[in-house]
N, C-alpha and C. Protein backbone atom coordinates (compact mmCIF):
# COMPACT_ATOMS: atom_id res chain seq x y z
N MET A 1 0.40 6.22 -28.26
CA MET A 1 -0.57 6.52 -27.21
C MET A 1 -1.17 5.31 -26.44
N LEU A 2 -1.16 4.17 -27.19
CA LEU A 2 -1.73 2.95 -26.65
C LEU A 2 -0.78 2.46 -25.55
N ASN A 3 0.49 2.68 -25.69
CA ASN A 3 1.49 2.19 -24.68
C ASN A 3 1.41 2.92 -23.46
N LYS A 4 0.98 4.21 -23.59
CA LYS A 4 0.83 5.10 -22.58
C LYS A 4 -0.38 4.65 -21.56
N ILE A 5 -1.47 4.40 -22.28
CA ILE A 5 -2.62 3.86 -21.76
C ILE A 5 -2.34 2.52 -20.98
N ILE A 6 -1.72 1.65 -21.65
CA ILE A 6 -1.48 0.33 -21.11
C ILE A 6 -0.65 0.52 -19.83
N LEU A 7 0.39 1.18 -19.92
CA LEU A 7 1.30 1.39 -18.66
C LEU A 7 0.54 2.09 -17.60
N ALA A 8 -0.43 2.99 -17.94
CA ALA A 8 -1.14 3.61 -16.86
C ALA A 8 -1.93 2.66 -16.11
N LEU A 9 -2.31 1.60 -16.75
CA LEU A 9 -3.16 0.50 -16.07
C LEU A 9 -2.33 -0.62 -15.51
N LEU A 10 -1.09 -0.66 -15.68
CA LEU A 10 -0.36 -1.78 -15.39
C LEU A 10 -0.38 -2.02 -13.87
N LEU A 11 -0.23 -1.07 -13.11
CA LEU A 11 -0.05 -1.26 -11.74
C LEU A 11 -1.34 -1.82 -10.97
N VAL A 12 -1.33 -3.00 -10.54
CA VAL A 12 -2.37 -3.56 -9.82
C VAL A 12 -2.40 -3.09 -8.40
N LEU A 13 -3.09 -2.09 -8.10
CA LEU A 13 -3.22 -1.73 -6.61
C LEU A 13 -4.14 -2.57 -5.84
N SER A 14 -4.88 -3.46 -6.50
CA SER A 14 -5.71 -4.36 -5.71
C SER A 14 -4.83 -5.42 -4.90
N GLN A 15 -3.64 -5.52 -5.34
CA GLN A 15 -2.69 -6.53 -4.65
C GLN A 15 -1.67 -5.63 -3.85
N LEU A 16 -1.85 -4.38 -3.67
CA LEU A 16 -1.04 -3.51 -2.84
C LEU A 16 -1.21 -4.09 -1.38
N ALA A 17 -0.05 -4.30 -0.73
CA ALA A 17 -0.06 -4.56 0.63
C ALA A 17 0.81 -3.58 1.37
N LEU A 18 0.25 -2.74 2.27
CA LEU A 18 1.09 -1.79 2.95
C LEU A 18 1.03 -2.16 4.38
N SER A 19 1.92 -3.11 4.75
CA SER A 19 2.00 -3.75 6.06
C SER A 19 3.44 -3.66 6.53
N GLN A 20 3.69 -3.16 7.68
CA GLN A 20 5.17 -3.05 8.24
C GLN A 20 5.93 -2.42 7.13
N ASN A 21 5.35 -1.32 6.69
CA ASN A 21 6.20 -0.45 5.72
C ASN A 21 6.69 -1.15 4.43
N THR A 22 5.91 -2.01 4.02
CA THR A 22 6.13 -2.82 2.79
C THR A 22 5.18 -2.54 1.64
N ILE A 23 5.52 -2.32 0.49
CA ILE A 23 4.62 -2.18 -0.61
C ILE A 23 4.90 -3.45 -1.57
N GLU A 24 3.81 -4.01 -2.07
CA GLU A 24 3.93 -5.30 -2.79
C GLU A 24 2.86 -5.27 -3.78
N GLY A 25 3.11 -5.66 -5.00
CA GLY A 25 2.16 -5.79 -5.98
C GLY A 25 2.55 -6.58 -7.25
N LYS A 26 1.77 -6.54 -8.25
CA LYS A 26 2.01 -7.06 -9.57
C LYS A 26 1.73 -6.04 -10.62
N ILE A 27 2.66 -6.08 -11.72
CA ILE A 27 2.62 -5.24 -12.71
C ILE A 27 2.34 -6.08 -14.01
N TYR A 28 1.29 -5.78 -14.66
CA TYR A 28 0.92 -6.55 -15.98
C TYR A 28 0.50 -5.62 -17.01
N ASN A 29 0.42 -6.11 -18.22
CA ASN A 29 -0.05 -5.40 -19.42
C ASN A 29 -1.51 -5.39 -19.58
N ALA A 30 -2.21 -4.28 -19.39
CA ALA A 30 -3.56 -4.27 -19.23
C ALA A 30 -4.25 -4.75 -20.57
N LYS A 31 -3.57 -4.76 -21.71
CA LYS A 31 -4.12 -5.18 -23.04
C LYS A 31 -4.24 -6.59 -23.09
N ASN A 32 -3.32 -7.31 -22.57
CA ASN A 32 -3.42 -8.87 -22.67
C ASN A 32 -3.20 -9.71 -21.32
N ASN A 33 -3.12 -8.95 -20.15
CA ASN A 33 -3.03 -9.48 -18.87
C ASN A 33 -1.82 -10.33 -18.66
N ASN A 34 -0.68 -10.14 -19.55
CA ASN A 34 0.55 -10.73 -19.38
C ASN A 34 1.33 -9.97 -18.27
N PRO A 35 2.06 -10.73 -17.42
CA PRO A 35 2.82 -10.00 -16.30
C PRO A 35 4.09 -9.44 -17.11
N LEU A 36 4.61 -8.32 -16.48
CA LEU A 36 5.77 -7.67 -17.09
C LEU A 36 6.97 -7.83 -16.27
N ASP A 37 7.87 -8.64 -16.90
CA ASP A 37 9.24 -8.96 -16.30
C ASP A 37 10.08 -7.97 -16.39
N GLY A 38 10.73 -7.39 -15.37
CA GLY A 38 11.71 -6.29 -15.58
C GLY A 38 11.16 -4.90 -15.53
N ALA A 39 9.96 -4.66 -14.97
CA ALA A 39 9.45 -3.34 -15.03
C ALA A 39 10.17 -2.63 -13.79
N ASN A 40 10.50 -1.46 -13.86
CA ASN A 40 11.29 -0.65 -12.73
C ASN A 40 10.29 0.12 -12.02
N LEU A 41 10.23 0.06 -10.68
CA LEU A 41 9.54 0.92 -9.68
C LEU A 41 10.63 1.56 -8.96
N TYR A 42 10.27 2.79 -8.82
CA TYR A 42 11.30 3.79 -8.09
C TYR A 42 10.56 4.79 -7.18
N PHE A 43 11.05 5.05 -6.12
CA PHE A 43 10.66 6.28 -5.28
C PHE A 43 11.77 7.22 -5.15
N PRO A 44 11.55 8.38 -6.18
CA PRO A 44 12.68 9.21 -6.20
C PRO A 44 13.17 9.93 -4.93
N GLU A 45 12.13 10.24 -4.17
CA GLU A 45 12.40 10.93 -2.92
C GLU A 45 13.17 10.08 -1.89
N LEU A 46 12.94 8.79 -1.94
CA LEU A 46 13.77 7.91 -1.14
C LEU A 46 14.85 7.18 -1.65
N LYS A 47 15.03 7.32 -2.99
CA LYS A 47 16.15 6.73 -3.77
C LYS A 47 16.01 5.16 -3.47
N LYS A 48 14.90 4.63 -3.54
CA LYS A 48 14.65 3.31 -3.46
C LYS A 48 13.77 2.63 -4.35
N GLY A 49 13.99 1.44 -4.80
CA GLY A 49 13.14 0.88 -5.79
C GLY A 49 13.22 -0.63 -5.89
N ALA A 50 12.57 -1.25 -7.01
CA ALA A 50 12.67 -2.62 -7.22
C ALA A 50 12.44 -2.92 -8.75
N VAL A 51 12.62 -4.11 -9.07
CA VAL A 51 12.30 -4.63 -10.48
C VAL A 51 11.45 -5.67 -10.30
N SER A 52 10.47 -5.75 -11.16
CA SER A 52 9.36 -6.87 -11.07
C SER A 52 10.06 -8.21 -11.67
N ASP A 53 9.61 -9.29 -11.10
CA ASP A 53 10.20 -10.59 -11.39
C ASP A 53 9.36 -11.11 -12.82
N GLU A 54 9.62 -12.41 -13.08
CA GLU A 54 8.96 -12.93 -14.29
C GLU A 54 7.47 -13.14 -14.19
N ASN A 55 6.96 -12.96 -12.99
CA ASN A 55 5.57 -12.99 -12.81
C ASN A 55 4.93 -11.62 -12.69
N GLY A 56 5.68 -10.58 -12.83
CA GLY A 56 5.34 -9.24 -12.58
C GLY A 56 5.22 -8.81 -11.20
N HIS A 57 5.68 -9.65 -10.30
CA HIS A 57 5.60 -9.33 -8.88
C HIS A 57 6.81 -8.43 -8.36
N PHE A 58 6.56 -7.57 -7.40
CA PHE A 58 7.64 -6.69 -6.92
C PHE A 58 7.28 -6.46 -5.36
N VAL A 59 8.41 -6.28 -4.58
CA VAL A 59 8.30 -5.99 -3.23
C VAL A 59 9.33 -4.87 -2.87
N ILE A 60 8.81 -3.93 -2.18
CA ILE A 60 9.90 -2.95 -1.69
C ILE A 60 9.65 -2.90 -0.15
N LYS A 61 10.66 -2.94 0.58
CA LYS A 61 10.41 -3.18 2.07
C LYS A 61 11.32 -1.87 2.73
N ASN A 62 10.87 -1.66 4.00
CA ASN A 62 11.45 -0.66 4.89
C ASN A 62 11.31 0.66 4.36
N LEU A 63 10.06 0.97 4.03
CA LEU A 63 9.66 2.37 3.49
C LEU A 63 9.28 3.25 4.71
N PRO A 64 9.78 4.42 4.81
CA PRO A 64 9.29 5.21 6.05
C PRO A 64 7.88 5.58 5.83
N ASP A 65 7.23 5.99 6.75
CA ASP A 65 5.87 6.33 6.76
C ASP A 65 5.68 7.72 6.01
N GLY A 66 4.67 7.88 5.25
CA GLY A 66 4.44 9.02 4.45
C GLY A 66 3.86 8.82 3.11
N SER A 67 3.71 9.81 2.34
CA SER A 67 3.21 9.65 0.88
C SER A 67 4.27 9.95 0.03
N TYR A 68 4.56 9.17 -0.91
CA TYR A 68 5.60 9.48 -1.97
C TYR A 68 5.16 8.99 -3.30
N ARG A 69 5.88 9.71 -4.27
CA ARG A 69 5.67 9.41 -5.67
C ARG A 69 6.37 8.25 -6.18
N MET A 70 5.66 7.38 -6.90
CA MET A 70 6.31 6.29 -7.55
C MET A 70 6.38 6.41 -8.99
N GLN A 71 7.44 6.03 -9.60
CA GLN A 71 7.71 6.09 -10.98
C GLN A 71 7.80 4.68 -11.46
N VAL A 72 7.06 4.34 -12.49
CA VAL A 72 7.12 3.01 -13.07
C VAL A 72 7.47 3.20 -14.57
N THR A 73 8.56 2.28 -14.84
CA THR A 73 9.09 2.36 -16.22
C THR A 73 9.22 0.91 -16.79
N TYR A 74 9.04 0.77 -18.21
CA TYR A 74 9.17 -0.41 -18.74
C TYR A 74 9.50 -0.17 -20.23
N LEU A 75 10.55 -0.89 -20.69
CA LEU A 75 10.88 -0.73 -22.05
C LEU A 75 9.78 -0.80 -23.16
N GLY A 76 9.53 0.21 -23.94
CA GLY A 76 8.47 0.21 -24.96
C GLY A 76 7.25 0.87 -24.49
N PHE A 77 7.20 1.33 -23.19
CA PHE A 77 6.01 1.88 -22.75
C PHE A 77 6.41 3.34 -22.20
N GLN A 78 5.34 4.22 -22.25
CA GLN A 78 5.57 5.56 -21.72
C GLN A 78 5.66 5.42 -20.09
N PRO A 79 6.56 6.18 -19.54
CA PRO A 79 6.73 6.14 -18.09
C PRO A 79 5.42 6.54 -17.42
N MET A 80 5.28 6.09 -16.12
CA MET A 80 4.03 6.36 -15.42
C MET A 80 4.55 6.97 -14.07
N VAL A 81 4.07 8.03 -13.72
CA VAL A 81 4.40 8.64 -12.42
C VAL A 81 3.27 8.92 -11.57
């Protein structure tokens, strides 16, 4: 249960940048504020995604206008949709 709560808080939307159809942010462990290297972010409707780097940073470019569901997964944590 703790892992699910932590993953639900991972996505830092305060660093979200929606400019020129790009989404950018940082994923971290809410329990200890450590960045999560290798977290998967995926837009199923678009079949487009990214993997976070060693600093938890990710960028997904060339997104069409609209609202989409994002899935976030990381080994050892419950998936977040």
